[in-house]
Each structure stands twice: as C-alpha cells, then as structure tokens.
Amino acid sequence: MKAKAFKIADGVYWVGVIHWNSRTFHGYGIPGTTYNAYLVFGEEKNVLIDNVYRGLFDQFDARVKDAFEQEGKEFKIDVFVQNHSEMDHSTFLRDTIAKYNPDAEIYASQNCINFLEAQYHNFSDLELNAVNTGDELDIGGRTLKFISAPMLHWPDSMFTFLAEDGILFSNDAFGQHLCHSKRFDRDYPLEYVLGEAQKYYANLVTLGSPMFRMKLQELTDNGILDEIKMIAPCHGQIWTNPAPIVEKYSEWASGVCKDKITVIYDTMHHSTEKLAFQIAEGIMSEGVEVKMYFMQEDGPDDVITDILDSKAIAIGAPTMMNKPFPRIGNMMYWLDCVNFKGTGSEKNALIFSSKGWGGGAVDKLQKDLESAGFNVTDTMDILFVPDEDMLAEAFEKGAELARSIKE
C-alpha cells in the first residue's frame, strides 16, 4: 500500500490513518474518524508518538515509511511514546516495536504500562520506562516533556510536549471524531470543528472535567500553556490555533452554559409529545433557546452534546408498566455516566409524563435525575390525553423553567 505522511512542522509528521467507514465509537454515531500518530525526527533519535487501531496497519506503515523518505533518513525508530493504552491508539504497538526496532526505548505512564499488559498480555518481556510530569527526554536538538493527564480520558493518559516547537501531543484530549482528507483545523470552518469537539467532549471527557481544570491550572502555572503553538490530538483535526479549543474546554469543564434548554421526550400515543411541544413554546416565549430531541429517532450522543452547554433540561416519558418508557431509560444511563455535576454546573430539570392509570414514570425519573446531579425544579404528571387546561399548564411550566435559568 502507498500512503503519504503529512508534514505538520519541520521534522514532525502525521503518520496516522483515516478510517473512512467507521460509523460508531464508544456507543455513539460518527461520520468516520482518524487515529492520529506522529513521527518526530531529532538529531539523535527518531520518535513515534502513539499508534493506530486494528485493521489499519498497512496504511499506518506506509505513512511511517514515507515520512522517512521525505526526511531522507535511514529507517529507524529509536523511541516509542505511548500517551494512552486504549486499543484505538495501541493495537499495533507491540508489532511496530518488533518490526521497526526491538531495542527501542519505550515511554509511557505507569498506568499505561500496566494497562498494555492487561489488554495484550505480551508486554511483560519488554523494558518500558514509566514517566511522570516533569520528566524529559532529549532527542537531539529537541526535548520531549511528559505531562501526566489522568482521566483525560483514561487513568493512564498523558500528554507529550515538544518544547522547542510548542507542539502538544494531547492524545484523546482536544480531539474530534472527524474524517477528512485535510489535517488542520484551519482547513474547515471553525464553528464546525468546534461543534464536533463539543460532541466529543460531552460524550467522552465530561467525566474528567475536574481533572481538566486542575491540569489547565498546572499548565498555566508552569508556563507551558503560553508556549503551546499547536495541539495534535489522536482524533480529528490538528489545532494550528489552540486558543479557541482551549477556551472551549475551559468553559465546558467549568459548567459555562448558554440560556438554552434541551427538551427530551418519547411518546406512545402522542400525549407526552403534546406536552413537550407546549413546554418548548413556553420556553421560547421567554426568549430562551430550545433544542428538541425525540428519542424514537434521535441518539443520546447528540442529546448529551446539547445538554453540555444547556442550563436546564425538560425530560418527558409516558408511563409503561409503572416505569418510564424504555427508550428514555437508555438516555438516563448516559446522563448518569457523563456526570455533568463534575463541571460545577447544577442544571435544573422539569419532568413531564402522561399515564394511563397508576403512573410511576415521574418518580423514577426524578430519582435518577437527582442521582445524576440534576436539580429537579418541577414535575407534571397527567392522565391520558392532555386537554386545553393541561396544555396551558405545560406552556407555563416551560416558561417557569426558562425564567429559572435567567435568575
């Protein structure tokens, strides 16, 4: 196979792979993705940072070889740096070490070393060097600085900073699941790339928000933040202008939200749907933005993305066998997993439901939402089909919810 490496700076190449036909990752829909790996050429040592996913070795191998050809250097990788052990970044690590240089130096966090062996069971015979924040590696005219970054997004994650060039190899942090032929952020509209980065953050990084706040402060205090000129993540576009994505991560991790409410509902015979539409009308009457999701058709990953920068949600489900309608149950699991409360944002919530007789959906949803960190401010539980008075009440509850986020 032939594939061209992409030069991102003098002596630094993207040698990752494009996974054109990938449509799901971590349980949510994607339009394909990239698995980014990087080659850094020093005067004394050549370094491969990260690896790629199963089934894509030929593309990766071709780019690695092309990078050496572009540099006019003898093919030899002296150092392997593994920022994170998850399989989409490490599947061929053992193979590339064996093929490219069995005697190479290998650097990773201690957790990453442990996780590699636990996943592949073939690393115990290798000498792997555990590194922490503050450790450095001189590769000849260039310095790699290692920065621990646990929970961004696994406990084993770390960043590698190429000091002289100001390039932060951030692994999963600052990524997006995008699949394009061009590599830089500037190659596509900024709002588009930031929107995909929001989806990525909401679904994969939100849980690590407290750690990101700490890490950002650490990078500020030690002066590295001001030195970052480029961020090269392991998925999606490379940030040639880091400021917008760093600002957005700071906002998302700190619970900065818009005057926006996400309405989520499912319905059996359209009664709960009627309430949802009226609640939305009430919210809009107060000048607050509404995002509406119908869980028969929409995916929870998109819902999570909009909840990230919403100040409140309204969630509705008909009662089925004394419980919320099952498709809403999947949504609740996602809300519990991502833990928005970790951002420091306490989001208000309105619960609404139509029941046939005994009910039960509202109580269950309230318990689950409160467990997931939401502040349930109001509920609405009606019998069968809403009449005009009930619809008027739903409108007013939507308006009240909107007013609550502007106070």
Foldseek 3Di string as FASTA:
>chain_A
DADAWDDPDVQKTWLKDWQQPDADDPHDGFRTKIFTWMWHDAPAFIEIEWAAAPPCVVSSVNHLVNSCVVVVHDQAHQEYEYQAQPRRTPVCVVVCCVVRPVNHAYEFAPVNLVVNCVVPVPPPVDDHHHDEAPDWDPRHPWIWGKYQQDPLPHRRGIWIATQVQQEIARASPPAFGDGDPDAACVVDDVVVSVLRSLLSCLQTRLQVLVSVVVVVVVCVVVVSVVSHQWYHYRMGHTYNHCVVSNVVSLCLSQQAAALEEEEEEEDDPCQQVLLSVLLCLLLVVQVGHYHYYYLVPDDLSVVSSNVSRYQAYEYEAEDDPLEGDVSVVVNLVSLQVSQNVSSVHAHEYEYEYEYAPDHNHVVVVVVSCVNSRHHYDYYYYYYDHDDPVSSVVSSNVSNVSSVVSVD
